[in-house]
Structure formats: C-alpha cells, structure tokens
Amino acid sequence: MKKILIGVLIITSFIIFTGCSKDSQNESSLDKILEKNNYIVVDVRTEEEYKENHVKGAVNIPYDQIDDNTKLDKNKTILVYCKSGTRSGIAYDTLKELGYDVLNLGAFDNVTLEKIS
C-alpha cells in the first residue's frame, strides 16, 4: 500500500511541477495557428459586447446562434473567445460537433491578439 501511495504522490508531483497547463498548451497551439495564417477569429459574445470592443478582424456570432446553418470555412481553424470563457467553451463544443477545427481562446481580457475598442 505504501508503494502505491508513494507512486501516486510522485506522479502527482511531476504533473504539478512540469508546468503542463491548458494555458501553455493553448499558447503553443495558437502560435502555430497564427504562423500558418489559416484561421478565423469568432467573438461569441452578444452584438452589444462585440461593438464595445473585440479582437481585430473577428466576426461576431453569438454562441447561442451557432448551429448547422453556421457558415464558416471548415478548412480554417476557428478561434473562439467570449467575456469569461464560459460561452466560448459552449461554442467550442458545438463547433467541434459540427466538424470544425477549433481552439478556445477563453476570456477576452486574456486574449493576446490585437483588439479594437
């Protein structure tokens, strides 16, 4: 039993201290996508939120309007974001189910792409 517990502690410690976080993985993936320049940025907030500020070049499709009728280029990676990351998570799941290659950028304030106010 001690050996199992020690093994679990070692594995847990390795995971915690290696720095493998979702954010660092997203940043690495985003860098590769931006390098290829084959993407569409989608702001999934409301039209009002989009008008206040948004990522330069982003299109506005509120998350609850993404469905089978959504017309985005399936040959491009779709980058989604919202205010806090909740709606972009829902949009991510929906777009994945519809067959898109998607990356969830999460919260608008954390997005590092150029913004327009």
C-alpha atoms as a PDB file:
ATOM      1  CA  MET A   1       0.000   0.000   0.000  1.00  0.00           C
ATOM      2  CA  LYS A   2       2.861   2.381   0.816  1.00  0.00           C
ATOM      3  CA  LYS A   3       4.404   1.776  -2.620  1.00  0.00           C
ATOM      4  CA  ILE A   4       1.137   2.669  -4.365  1.00  0.00           C
ATOM      5  CA  LEU A   5       0.724   5.826  -2.302  1.00  0.00           C
ATOM      6  CA  ILE A   6       4.320   6.884  -2.966  1.00  0.00           C
ATOM      7  CA  GLY A   7       3.833   6.223  -6.697  1.00  0.00           C
ATOM      8  CA  VAL A   8       0.692   8.366  -6.772  1.00  0.00           C
ATOM      9  CA  LEU A   9       2.490  11.180  -4.942  1.00  0.00           C
ATOM     10  CA  ILE A  10       5.430  11.065  -7.342  1.00  0.00           C
ATOM     11  CA  ILE A  11       3.162  11.158 -10.414  1.00  0.00           C
ATOM     12  CA  THR A  12       1.047  13.966  -8.954  1.00  0.00           C
ATOM     13  CA  SER A  13       4.148  15.984  -8.095  1.00  0.00           C
ATOM     14  CA  PHE A  14       5.524  15.503 -11.609  1.00  0.00           C
ATOM     15  CA  ILE A  15       2.297  16.748 -13.180  1.00  0.00           C
ATOM     16  CA  ILE A  16       2.133  19.776 -10.887  1.00  0.00           C
ATOM     17  CA  PHE A  17       5.761  20.837 -11.290  1.00  0.00           C
ATOM     18  CA  THR A  18       6.248  20.231 -15.030  1.00  0.00           C
ATOM     19  CA  GLY A  19       4.129  23.255 -15.846  1.00  0.00           C
ATOM     20  CA  CYS A  20       1.914  21.474 -18.338  1.00  0.00           C
ATOM     21  CA  SER A  21      -1.105  23.692 -18.171  1.00  0.00           C
ATOM     22  CA  LYS A  22      -4.004  24.200 -20.545  1.00  0.00           C
ATOM     23  CA  ASP A  23      -2.923  27.830 -21.000  1.00  0.00           C
ATOM     24  CA  SER A  24       0.611  26.966 -22.089  1.00  0.00           C
ATOM     25  CA  GLN A  25      -0.729  24.326 -24.461  1.00  0.00           C
ATOM     26  CA  ASN A  26      -3.212  26.859 -25.903  1.00  0.00           C
ATOM     27  CA  GLU A  27      -0.434  29.444 -26.351  1.00  0.00           C
ATOM     28  CA  SER A  28       1.737  26.938 -28.184  1.00  0.00           C
ATOM     29  CA  SER A  29      -1.172  25.851 -30.388  1.00  0.00           C
ATOM     30  CA  LEU A  30      -2.163  29.465 -31.035  1.00  0.00           C
ATOM     31  CA  ASP A  31       1.372  30.377 -32.106  1.00  0.00           C
ATOM     32  CA  LYS A  32       1.356  27.539 -34.642  1.00  0.00           C
ATOM     33  CA  ILE A  33      -2.086  28.529 -35.967  1.00  0.00           C
ATOM     34  CA  LEU A  34      -1.120  32.205 -36.287  1.00  0.00           C
ATOM     35  CA  GLU A  35       2.074  31.227 -38.067  1.00  0.00           C
ATOM     36  CA  LYS A  36       0.079  29.331 -40.719  1.00  0.00           C
ATOM     37  CA  ASN A  37      -2.301  32.319 -41.085  1.00  0.00           C
ATOM     38  CA  ASN A  38      -5.228  29.972 -41.767  1.00  0.00           C
ATOM     39  CA  TYR A  39      -7.793  30.887 -39.125  1.00  0.00           C
ATOM     40  CA  ILE A  40     -10.996  32.778 -38.388  1.00  0.00           C
ATOM     41  CA  VAL A  41     -11.487  34.591 -35.072  1.00  0.00           C
ATOM     42  CA  VAL A  42     -15.064  34.352 -33.773  1.00  0.00           C
ATOM     43  CA  ASP A  43     -16.338  36.534 -30.931  1.00  0.00           C
ATOM     44  CA  VAL A  44     -19.215  34.553 -29.408  1.00  0.00           C
ATOM     45  CA  ARG A  45     -20.434  37.359 -27.132  1.00  0.00           C
ATOM     46  CA  THR A  46     -23.553  39.439 -27.774  1.00  0.00           C
ATOM     47  CA  GLU A  47     -23.617  42.042 -30.544  1.00  0.00           C
ATOM     48  CA  GLU A  48     -23.551  44.790 -27.914  1.00  0.00           C
ATOM     49  CA  GLU A  49     -20.426  43.370 -26.260  1.00  0.00           C
ATOM     50  CA  TYR A  50     -18.777  42.986 -29.662  1.00  0.00           C
ATOM     51  CA  LYS A  51     -19.498  46.625 -30.528  1.00  0.00           C
ATOM     52  CA  GLU A  52     -17.826  47.801 -27.299  1.00  0.00           C
ATOM     53  CA  ASN A  53     -14.548  46.055 -28.119  1.00  0.00           C
ATOM     54  CA  HIS A  54     -13.345  42.977 -29.944  1.00  0.00           C
ATOM     55  CA  VAL A  55     -10.329  41.311 -31.480  1.00  0.00           C
ATOM     56  CA  LYS A  56      -9.278  42.968 -34.725  1.00  0.00           C
ATOM     57  CA  GLY A  57     -10.739  41.047 -37.671  1.00  0.00           C
ATOM     58  CA  ALA A  58     -13.088  38.952 -35.522  1.00  0.00           C
ATOM     59  CA  VAL A  59     -16.563  38.085 -36.734  1.00  0.00           C
ATOM     60  CA  ASN A  60     -19.424  38.151 -34.263  1.00  0.00           C
ATOM     61  CA  ILE A  61     -21.555  35.029 -33.955  1.00  0.00           C
ATOM     62  CA  PRO A  62     -23.198  34.791 -30.527  1.00  0.00           C
ATOM     63  CA  TYR A  63     -22.630  31.337 -29.035  1.00  0.00           C
ATOM     64  CA  ASP A  64     -26.351  30.528 -28.924  1.00  0.00           C
ATOM     65  CA  GLN A  65     -26.658  31.173 -32.668  1.00  0.00           C
ATOM     66  CA  ILE A  66     -24.037  28.615 -33.711  1.00  0.00           C
ATOM     67  CA  ASP A  67     -25.773  25.665 -35.336  1.00  0.00           C
ATOM     68  CA  ASP A  68     -25.935  23.572 -38.522  1.00  0.00           C
ATOM     69  CA  ASN A  69     -26.575  26.771 -40.502  1.00  0.00           C
ATOM     70  CA  THR A  70     -23.331  28.407 -39.372  1.00  0.00           C
ATOM     71  CA  LYS A  71     -21.204  29.067 -42.434  1.00  0.00           C
ATOM     72  CA  LEU A  72     -17.517  29.120 -41.595  1.00  0.00           C
ATOM     73  CA  ASP A  73     -14.675  27.729 -43.709  1.00  0.00           C
ATOM     74  CA  LYS A  74     -14.001  24.197 -42.459  1.00  0.00           C
ATOM     75  CA  ASN A  75     -10.503  24.401 -43.961  1.00  0.00           C
ATOM     76  CA  LYS A  76      -9.562  27.039 -41.388  1.00  0.00           C
ATOM     77  CA  THR A  77      -9.065  26.822 -37.638  1.00  0.00           C
ATOM     78  CA  ILE A  78     -11.779  28.648 -35.715  1.00  0.00           C
ATOM     79  CA  LEU A  79     -10.538  30.682 -32.729  1.00  0.00           C
ATOM     80  CA  VAL A  80     -13.342  31.465 -30.268  1.00  0.00           C
ATOM     81  CA  TYR A  81     -13.473  33.794 -27.268  1.00  0.00           C
ATOM     82  CA  CYS A  82     -16.053  35.466 -25.017  1.00  0.00           C
ATOM     83  CA  LYS A  83     -16.042  37.551 -21.831  1.00  0.00           C
ATOM     84  CA  SER A  84     -15.115  34.879 -19.288  1.00  0.00           C
ATOM     85  CA  GLY A  85     -14.552  31.657 -21.228  1.00  0.00           C
ATOM     86  CA  THR A  86     -17.906  30.012 -20.464  1.00  0.00           C
ATOM     87  CA  ARG A  87     -19.684  30.858 -23.722  1.00  0.00           C
ATOM     88  CA  SER A  88     -16.575  30.182 -25.774  1.00  0.00           C
ATOM     89  CA  GLY A  89     -16.446  26.729 -24.156  1.00  0.00           C
ATOM     90  CA  ILE A  90     -20.010  26.056 -25.266  1.00  0.00           C
ATOM     91  CA  ALA A  91     -19.235  27.401 -28.758  1.00  0.00           C
ATOM     92  CA  TYR A  92     -16.110  25.222 -28.867  1.00  0.00           C
ATOM     93  CA  ASP A  93     -18.126  22.094 -28.116  1.00  0.00           C
ATOM     94  CA  THR A  94     -20.809  22.982 -30.672  1.00  0.00           C
ATOM     95  CA  LEU A  95     -18.311  23.778 -33.429  1.00  0.00           C
ATOM     96  CA  LYS A  96     -16.365  20.575 -32.721  1.00  0.00           C
ATOM     97  CA  GLU A  97     -19.597  18.593 -33.073  1.00  0.00           C
ATOM     98  CA  LEU A  98     -20.210  20.352 -36.395  1.00  0.00           C
ATOM     99  CA  GLY A  99     -16.812  19.216 -37.678  1.00  0.00           C
ATOM    100  CA  TYR A 100     -14.716  22.354 -37.268  1.00  0.00           C
ATOM    101  CA  ASP A 101     -11.113  22.562 -36.085  1.00  0.00           C
ATOM    102  CA  VAL A 102     -11.458  24.872 -33.065  1.00  0.00           C
ATOM    103  CA  LEU A 103      -9.281  26.492 -30.421  1.00  0.00           C
ATOM    104  CA  ASN A 104     -10.894  28.110 -27.390  1.00  0.00           C
ATOM    105  CA  LEU A 105      -9.049  31.331 -26.544  1.00  0.00           C
ATOM    106  CA  GLY A 106     -11.189  31.780 -23.433  1.00  0.00           C
ATOM    107  CA  ALA A 107     -11.734  35.163 -21.809  1.00  0.00           C
ATOM    108  CA  PHE A 108     -11.446  38.349 -23.877  1.00  0.00           C
ATOM    109  CA  ASP A 109      -9.176  40.022 -21.323  1.00  0.00           C
ATOM    110  CA  ASN A 110      -6.692  37.136 -21.652  1.00  0.00           C
ATOM    111  CA  VAL A 111      -6.614  37.102 -25.461  1.00  0.00           C
ATOM    112  CA  THR A 112      -3.257  38.406 -26.683  1.00  0.00           C
ATOM    113  CA  LEU A 113      -4.371  39.280 -30.225  1.00  0.00           C
ATOM    114  CA  GLU A 114      -4.762  42.933 -31.277  1.00  0.00           C
ATOM    115  CA  LYS A 115      -8.020  44.470 -30.024  1.00  0.00           C
ATOM    116  CA  ILE A 116     -10.281  47.274 -31.203  1.00  0.00           C
ATOM    117  CA  SER A 117     -12.213  49.467 -28.747  1.00  0.00           C
END
